Protein backbone atom coordinates (compact mmCIF):
# COMPACT_ATOMS: atom_id res chain seq x y z
CA MET A 1 122.80 25.27 -51.66
CA LEU A 2 123.22 21.63 -50.72
CA SER A 3 125.56 20.78 -47.86
CA HIS A 4 128.55 18.49 -48.34
CA ASP A 5 126.68 15.67 -46.57
CA GLN A 6 123.61 16.18 -48.78
CA GLU A 7 125.75 16.09 -51.92
CA ALA A 8 127.24 12.79 -50.75
CA LEU A 9 123.79 11.34 -50.04
CA ILE A 10 122.51 12.39 -53.49
CA ALA A 11 125.53 10.76 -55.14
CA ALA A 12 125.11 7.57 -53.12
CA THR A 13 121.36 7.21 -53.64
CA ALA A 14 121.01 8.51 -57.22
CA PRO A 15 121.29 5.01 -58.78
CA VAL A 16 118.51 3.69 -56.56
CA VAL A 17 116.25 6.67 -57.24
CA ALA A 18 116.98 6.41 -60.97
CA GLU A 19 116.05 2.73 -60.92
CA HIS A 20 112.65 3.55 -59.42
CA LEU A 21 112.14 6.97 -61.01
CA GLU A 22 109.47 5.93 -63.49
CA ALA A 23 107.49 4.23 -60.73
CA ILE A 24 107.87 7.38 -58.63
CA THR A 25 106.59 9.67 -61.37
CA ARG A 26 103.69 7.28 -62.17
CA ARG A 27 102.62 7.58 -58.54
CA PHE A 28 103.34 11.32 -58.38
CA TYR A 29 100.68 12.46 -60.85
CA PRO A 30 97.66 10.63 -59.34
CA LEU A 31 98.77 11.73 -55.89
CA MET A 32 99.07 15.37 -56.97
CA PHE A 33 95.68 15.29 -58.70
CA GLU A 34 94.11 13.83 -55.55
CA ARG A 35 95.58 16.50 -53.29
CA TYR A 36 95.38 19.44 -55.69
CA PRO A 37 92.68 18.74 -58.31
CA GLU A 38 92.86 22.33 -59.53
CA VAL A 39 96.18 21.66 -61.31
CA LYS A 40 94.85 18.70 -63.32
CA VAL A 41 93.63 21.04 -66.10
CA LEU A 42 97.25 21.88 -66.93
CA PHE A 43 97.94 18.32 -68.09
CA ASN A 44 96.88 16.36 -71.17
CA GLU A 45 94.94 13.33 -69.91
CA VAL A 46 96.00 11.21 -72.90
CA HIS A 47 99.67 11.77 -72.02
CA GLN A 48 98.90 10.62 -68.48
CA GLN A 49 97.17 7.47 -69.67
CA ASN A 50 99.86 6.39 -72.13
CA GLY A 51 102.68 7.09 -69.67
CA SER A 52 104.51 9.67 -71.80
CA GLN A 53 104.11 12.46 -69.21
CA PRO A 54 105.57 10.47 -66.28
CA ARG A 55 108.43 9.27 -68.49
CA ALA A 56 109.17 12.84 -69.58
CA LEU A 57 109.27 14.03 -65.96
CA ALA A 58 111.53 11.14 -64.96
CA GLY A 59 113.88 11.94 -67.84
CA ALA A 60 114.04 15.64 -66.92
CA VAL A 61 114.81 14.92 -63.25
CA LEU A 62 117.46 12.36 -64.15
CA ALA A 63 119.06 14.72 -66.69
CA TYR A 64 119.28 17.46 -64.09
CA VAL A 65 120.87 15.14 -61.51
CA GLN A 66 123.48 14.13 -64.08
CA LEU A 67 124.21 17.64 -65.37
CA ARG A 68 123.85 19.89 -62.34
CA GLY A 69 127.63 20.03 -61.91
CA ASN A 70 127.76 21.93 -65.21
CA PRO A 71 125.28 24.84 -64.86
CA ALA A 72 125.42 25.81 -68.56
CA LYS A 73 124.59 22.28 -69.71
CA ALA A 74 121.90 21.93 -67.03
CA ARG A 75 120.19 25.12 -68.23
CA ALA A 76 120.37 23.98 -71.83
CA ALA A 77 118.88 20.60 -70.92
CA LEU A 78 115.97 22.36 -69.21
CA ASP A 79 115.10 24.56 -72.21
CA ILE A 80 112.35 22.19 -73.36
CA VAL A 81 110.84 22.11 -69.87
CA VAL A 82 110.98 25.90 -69.58
CA SER A 83 109.32 26.36 -72.97
CA LYS A 84 106.44 24.05 -72.06
CA HIS A 85 106.03 25.76 -68.67
CA VAL A 86 105.97 29.24 -70.19
CA SER A 87 103.27 28.20 -72.66
CA LEU A 88 101.20 26.96 -69.68
CA ASN A 89 101.84 30.03 -67.48
CA ILE A 90 103.46 27.93 -64.74
CA LEU A 91 104.10 30.20 -61.75
CA PRO A 92 106.29 30.03 -58.59
CA GLU A 93 103.30 29.00 -56.47
CA HIS A 94 102.98 25.76 -58.45
CA TYR A 95 106.40 24.48 -57.37
CA PRO A 96 105.66 23.78 -53.68
CA ILE A 97 102.72 21.62 -54.82
CA VAL A 98 104.98 19.59 -57.08
CA GLY A 99 107.69 19.34 -54.42
CA GLU A 100 105.30 18.11 -51.73
CA CYS A 101 103.75 15.45 -53.97
CA LEU A 102 107.01 14.35 -55.53
CA MET A 103 108.59 13.74 -52.12
CA ALA A 104 105.46 11.90 -50.99
CA ALA A 105 105.67 9.67 -54.08
CA ILE A 106 109.35 8.97 -53.41
CA GLY A 107 108.44 7.97 -49.86
CA GLU A 108 105.70 5.61 -51.01
CA VAL A 109 107.88 3.89 -53.60
CA LEU A 110 111.12 3.63 -51.61
CA GLY A 111 109.49 2.98 -48.22
CA ASP A 112 111.88 2.50 -45.31
CA ALA A 113 114.89 3.01 -47.58
CA LEU A 114 114.06 6.71 -47.57
CA THR A 115 115.58 7.90 -44.30
CA PRO A 116 114.90 11.45 -43.02
CA GLU A 117 118.44 12.45 -44.05
CA ILE A 118 117.99 11.13 -47.60
CA ALA A 119 114.57 12.78 -47.84
CA ASP A 120 116.08 16.13 -46.76
CA ALA A 121 118.84 15.80 -49.35
CA TRP A 122 116.42 15.08 -52.21
CA GLY A 123 114.08 17.79 -50.98
CA ALA A 124 116.98 20.25 -51.11
CA LEU A 125 117.83 19.05 -54.62
CA TYR A 126 114.25 19.65 -55.74
CA GLY A 127 114.37 23.12 -54.18
CA GLU A 128 117.51 23.87 -56.18
CA LEU A 129 115.88 22.67 -59.41
CA ALA A 130 112.68 24.61 -58.69
CA ALA A 131 114.59 27.82 -58.02
CA LEU A 132 116.46 27.43 -61.31
CA LEU A 133 113.26 26.80 -63.29
CA ILE A 134 111.47 29.74 -61.64
CA ASP A 135 114.37 32.03 -62.58
CA LEU A 136 114.57 30.79 -66.19
CA GLU A 137 110.81 31.05 -66.65
CA ASP A 138 110.66 34.53 -65.17
CA GLN A 139 113.33 35.64 -67.63
CA ARG A 140 111.19 34.33 -70.51
CA TYR A 141 108.03 35.97 -69.18
CA ARG A 142 109.72 39.34 -68.73
CA GLU A 143 111.43 39.22 -72.13
CA PHE A 144 108.16 38.48 -73.94
CA GLU A 145 106.23 41.10 -71.97
CA ARG A 146 108.73 43.77 -73.04
CA ARG A 147 108.30 43.04 -76.75
CA PRO A 148 106.02 45.26 -78.84
CA GLY A 149 102.65 43.53 -78.68
CA GLY A 150 103.78 41.25 -75.84
CA TRP A 151 101.87 40.41 -72.68
CA ARG A 152 102.12 38.42 -69.47
CA GLY A 153 99.77 35.63 -68.49
CA ALA A 154 96.76 34.90 -70.69
CA ARG A 155 95.41 37.21 -73.43
CA ARG A 156 92.01 36.82 -75.07
CA PHE A 157 91.91 36.28 -78.84
CA ARG A 158 88.99 35.99 -81.27
CA ILE A 159 88.77 33.57 -84.20
CA ALA A 160 88.86 35.87 -87.24
CA ARG A 161 88.64 33.22 -89.95
CA THR A 162 89.16 29.51 -90.58
CA ARG A 163 90.26 27.38 -93.52
CA GLN A 164 90.03 23.63 -94.09
CA GLU A 165 93.55 22.51 -95.06
CA SER A 166 92.84 18.79 -95.47
CA ALA A 167 90.30 16.16 -94.50
CA VAL A 168 91.44 16.41 -90.86
CA ILE A 169 93.38 19.69 -90.50
CA ARG A 170 91.80 23.13 -90.14
CA SER A 171 93.53 26.49 -89.72
CA PHE A 172 92.31 29.12 -87.25
CA VAL A 173 93.48 32.73 -87.60
CA LEU A 174 93.35 34.43 -84.19
CA GLU A 175 93.31 38.19 -83.60
CA PRO A 176 93.50 39.89 -80.17
CA GLU A 177 90.16 40.89 -78.73
CA ASP A 178 91.66 44.16 -77.48
CA GLY A 179 92.59 45.20 -81.04
CA GLY A 180 96.26 45.74 -80.19
CA PRO A 181 99.35 44.39 -81.96
CA VAL A 182 100.71 40.92 -81.24
CA ALA A 183 104.34 40.14 -80.51
CA ASP A 184 106.45 38.39 -83.11
CA HIS A 185 107.38 34.74 -82.72
CA LEU A 186 110.12 32.68 -84.30
CA PRO A 187 109.12 30.35 -87.15
CA GLY A 188 108.82 26.84 -85.72
CA GLN A 189 107.54 27.88 -82.29
CA TYR A 190 104.27 26.83 -80.67
CA ILE A 191 101.82 28.65 -78.41
CA GLY A 192 99.82 27.76 -75.31
CA VAL A 193 96.03 27.71 -75.69
CA ARG A 194 93.45 27.89 -72.91
CA VAL A 195 89.84 27.05 -73.82
CA LEU A 196 86.72 26.45 -71.77
CA ILE A 197 85.02 23.09 -72.41
CA ASP A 198 81.84 22.46 -70.42
CA GLY A 199 82.88 25.28 -68.12
CA GLU A 200 86.30 23.74 -67.38
CA PRO A 201 89.56 25.40 -68.51
CA VAL A 202 91.78 23.10 -70.59
CA TYR A 203 95.33 23.81 -71.80
CA ARG A 204 97.09 22.62 -74.94
CA HIS A 205 100.07 23.55 -77.14
CA TYR A 206 99.77 24.08 -80.90
CA SER A 207 102.39 25.04 -83.47
CA LEU A 208 102.16 28.46 -85.08
CA SER A 209 101.80 27.55 -88.74
CA ASP A 210 102.62 30.90 -90.34
CA ILE A 211 105.31 33.54 -90.00
CA ALA A 212 104.80 36.55 -87.72
CA ASN A 213 102.79 39.50 -89.07
CA GLY A 214 102.20 41.62 -85.95
CA LYS A 215 98.41 41.29 -86.24
CA SER A 216 97.41 37.67 -85.73
CA TYR A 217 98.52 34.10 -85.07
CA ARG A 218 97.56 31.05 -87.12
CA LEU A 219 97.04 27.60 -85.61
CA SER A 220 96.49 24.57 -87.83
CA ILE A 221 94.96 21.76 -85.81
CA LYS A 222 94.38 18.11 -86.68
CA ARG A 223 91.11 16.65 -85.48
CA GLU A 224 92.05 13.66 -83.33
CA ALA A 225 89.30 11.13 -82.68
CA GLN A 226 90.25 11.00 -78.98
CA GLY A 227 91.41 14.60 -78.77
CA ARG A 228 89.14 16.53 -76.44
CA VAL A 229 90.50 19.95 -77.40
CA SER A 230 91.08 19.29 -81.10
CA ARG A 231 87.49 18.04 -81.44
CA HIS A 232 86.32 21.19 -79.62
CA PHE A 233 88.13 23.36 -82.17
CA HIS A 234 86.76 21.44 -85.15
CA ASP A 235 83.24 20.68 -83.95
CA THR A 236 82.34 23.63 -81.71
CA LEU A 237 84.48 26.74 -82.24
CA ASP A 238 83.82 29.05 -85.18
CA VAL A 239 84.50 32.58 -86.38
CA GLY A 240 83.78 35.08 -83.59
CA ASP A 241 84.42 32.67 -80.72
CA THR A 242 87.13 33.53 -78.21
CA LEU A 243 89.90 31.73 -76.37
CA GLU A 244 93.04 32.66 -74.44
CA LEU A 245 96.63 32.46 -75.59
CA LEU A 246 99.82 32.26 -73.54
CA PRO A 247 103.29 33.33 -74.74
CA PRO A 248 104.84 31.53 -77.73
CA ALA A 249 107.70 29.16 -76.90
CA GLY A 250 109.77 26.37 -78.39
CA ASP A 251 113.30 25.81 -79.62
CA LEU A 252 112.75 24.15 -83.01
CA THR A 253 113.87 27.25 -84.89
CA LEU A 254 116.07 28.02 -87.87
CA ILE A 255 119.81 27.52 -87.32
CA GLU A 256 121.60 30.51 -88.79
CA GLY A 257 124.04 29.87 -91.62
CA SER A 258 124.16 29.16 -95.32
CA GLU A 259 123.82 25.36 -95.27
CA PRO A 260 120.86 23.81 -97.11
CA LEU A 261 117.85 22.49 -95.25
CA LEU A 262 115.86 19.28 -95.49
CA LEU A 263 112.41 19.70 -93.91
CA ALA A 264 110.61 16.37 -93.55
CA SER A 265 107.15 15.99 -92.05
CA GLY A 266 104.50 13.38 -91.52
CA GLY A 267 100.83 14.43 -91.31
CA VAL A 268 100.29 17.52 -89.16
CA GLY A 269 104.07 17.69 -88.57
CA GLN A 270 104.13 20.30 -91.34
CA THR A 271 102.82 23.01 -89.02
CA PRO A 272 106.16 24.15 -87.53
CA LEU A 273 108.16 23.39 -90.70
CA LEU A 274 106.16 25.49 -93.17
CA PRO A 275 107.10 28.83 -91.51
CA ILE A 276 110.72 27.65 -91.16
CA ALA A 277 110.71 27.02 -94.93
CA ARG A 278 109.40 30.55 -95.59
CA GLN A 279 112.08 32.07 -93.38
CA ALA A 280 114.93 30.04 -94.85
CA LEU A 281 113.91 30.76 -98.45
CA SER A 282 113.68 34.48 -97.72
CA LYS A 283 117.31 34.28 -96.55
CA GLY A 284 118.43 32.70 -99.81
CA ARG A 285 118.93 29.17 -98.50
CA ARG A 286 118.22 26.00 -100.44
CA VAL A 287 115.31 23.96 -99.04
CA VAL A 288 114.21 20.40 -99.76
CA TYR A 289 110.60 20.09 -98.55
CA LEU A 290 109.60 16.45 -98.03
CA HIS A 291 106.08 15.64 -96.82
CA ALA A 292 104.33 12.32 -96.21
CA ALA A 293 100.55 11.92 -96.06
CA ILE A 294 98.00 9.13 -96.34
CA ASP A 295 96.52 10.44 -99.60
CA ARG A 296 95.65 13.67 -101.42
CA ASP A 297 92.66 14.33 -99.17
CA HIS A 298 94.98 14.26 -96.15
CA HIS A 299 97.71 16.38 -97.77
CA ALA A 300 97.50 19.83 -96.15
CA PHE A 301 98.97 23.19 -97.25
CA ARG A 302 99.38 22.22 -100.91
CA ASP A 303 98.49 25.75 -102.05
CA ASP A 304 100.96 27.31 -99.60
CA VAL A 305 103.81 25.05 -100.68
CA GLN A 306 103.05 25.50 -104.40
CA ALA A 307 103.09 29.28 -103.92
CA LEU A 308 106.52 29.01 -102.33
CA ALA A 309 107.72 26.85 -105.23
CA ARG A 310 106.57 29.54 -107.70
CA ASP A 311 108.29 32.29 -105.69
CA TYR A 312 111.56 30.38 -105.19
CA PRO A 313 111.89 28.00 -108.15
CA GLU A 314 115.71 27.81 -107.93
CA GLN A 315 115.86 27.26 -104.16
CA LEU A 316 112.94 24.99 -103.29
CA THR A 317 112.52 21.30 -104.10
CA VAL A 318 109.15 19.81 -103.11
CA ILE A 319 108.64 16.05 -102.74
CA ASP A 320 105.26 14.57 -101.83
CA VAL A 321 105.05 11.00 -100.53
CA LEU A 322 101.60 9.43 -100.37
CA GLU A 323 100.77 6.01 -98.96
CA ASN A 324 97.85 5.88 -101.38
CA GLY A 325 98.71 8.16 -104.25
CA ASP A 326 99.05 8.61 -107.98
CA GLU A 327 101.84 8.93 -110.51
CA ALA A 328 102.52 12.54 -109.52
CA ALA A 329 103.90 11.57 -106.10
CA HIS A 330 106.17 8.98 -104.56
CA ILE A 331 104.02 6.07 -103.43
CA GLY A 332 104.63 4.45 -100.08
CA ARG A 333 106.56 5.94 -97.18
CA ILE A 334 109.72 7.94 -96.64
CA ASP A 335 112.72 5.65 -96.18
CA GLN A 336 116.50 5.85 -96.22
CA ALA A 337 116.73 5.29 -99.98
CA LEU A 338 114.42 8.24 -100.65
CA LEU A 339 116.36 10.44 -98.24
CA ALA A 340 119.64 9.48 -99.90
CA ARG A 341 118.18 10.55 -103.25
CA TYR A 342 117.20 14.06 -102.11
CA LEU A 343 119.61 14.89 -99.25
CA PRO A 344 121.68 17.87 -100.48
CA GLY A 345 124.73 16.76 -98.47
CA THR A 346 125.86 15.71 -95.02
CA ASP A 347 126.22 19.39 -94.01
CA THR A 348 122.44 19.81 -94.44
CA HIS A 349 120.43 20.86 -91.40
CA CYS A 350 117.61 18.30 -91.26
CA TYR A 351 114.35 19.09 -89.45
CA PHE A 352 111.75 16.35 -89.04
CA VAL A 353 108.43 16.37 -87.20
CA GLY A 354 105.66 13.79 -87.14
CA PRO A 355 104.58 10.66 -85.26
CA GLN A 356 107.14 9.11 -82.92
CA GLY A 357 107.87 6.19 -85.24
CA PHE A 358 108.38 8.54 -88.19
CA MET A 359 110.89 10.64 -86.27
CA ALA A 360 112.75 7.56 -85.02
CA MET A 361 113.08 6.32 -88.60
CA MET A 362 114.25 9.74 -89.83
CA ASP A 363 116.86 10.06 -87.10
CA LYS A 364 118.27 6.58 -87.72
CA ALA A 365 118.29 6.96 -91.52
CA LEU A 366 119.94 10.38 -91.48
CA ALA A 367 122.60 9.12 -89.05
CA ALA A 368 123.29 6.23 -91.42
CA LEU A 369 123.64 8.73 -94.28
CA GLY A 370 126.33 10.62 -92.38
CA VAL A 371 124.33 13.57 -91.03
CA ASP A 372 125.82 14.60 -87.69
CA GLU A 373 123.58 14.65 -84.61
CA ALA A 374 124.06 18.44 -84.35
CA HIS A 375 122.40 18.75 -87.78
CA ARG A 376 119.37 16.59 -86.89
CA HIS A 377 116.55 18.63 -85.34
CA TYR A 378 113.12 17.44 -84.22
CA GLU A 379 110.33 18.24 -81.80
CA HIS A 380 107.69 16.20 -79.99
CA PHE A 381 104.11 17.45 -80.09
CA GLY A 382 103.61 15.79 -76.70
CA PRO A 383 106.05 15.25 -73.82
CA ALA A 384 109.66 14.79 -74.95
CA ARG A 385 110.97 11.23 -74.91
CA PRO A 386 113.86 9.35 -76.52
CA LEU A 387 113.25 8.56 -80.18
CA ALA A 388 114.22 4.97 -79.45
CA ALA A 389 111.02 4.69 -77.38
CA ALA A 390 109.18 4.08 -80.67
């Protein structure tokens, strides 16, 4: 617990630290990788290069500083961080590494302005945050381990079958190598993946693109030209190959109720929304399924969505939007006018996943159409950042 003097120092110096926080986090990662190269495999190099990872860390630290006086809100704000950590198997022993390197980065950026007293206060604040995250993550680990088919840490799975969903997206059905059951997950969640590439372990997150069945998980992965792991899945892995999975996580899940849903996706953004659609339809809810793709060759899951339309003809409305299409689809891109045409009402829960610019447009258009912020739900495939960053 911070002392009264430490609380006062945090309050007095928070504006200065916030002003330099992005510079601090940009320095933090290279410093940590220099001192502890073994942790580098936990991070996506692309997110380091484009700055999204340092910005996400800066945002999380700043949010905690602002909300720590309200423990319930602070815990809620950290849910995204906890989910990502659980899907990477972050453990208590990782936190001293982060603390040491974060304080060293603060010292380098702030220089003489960082007195020993201020450093002690911010070190104590980090210790408080670390203890909270360790507790929240341990709760998640224990809860998942207790589920039927659950586990702790990494579990080895074998690729049972694959299916090409579009020109760039392929599905991989994974079954446990030990032959046991697998724990259920909530539609919309993602899972941590650990693969060996050239003898080096690499971690990524991928959405679970089908509902739980107790026997397997399905990942549907887009081949990215610069994506080291996605290219490994597409170009190297095949039926019979093995990899490790970590517990499912993520908070983009179905909000209970009877309100209609609008599920809007761009490209591979369909992967978390397709299982949410299945779940919502099975509960009798109306669903408007809106998907944007470059062309028919890049339009994934057409058979899955058409099967849902046959099973739920009175509940499901499907709208395809193709940049290069034909008379059977809307041509161009999703915009506010198209949303206004198909939005069931302002009480609709709207889920949207896709590139950053797509989600920023969706959020702004839905707000303009009167959809409350509490009814606008989205998820970043990479580190979380404000939609306005687009």
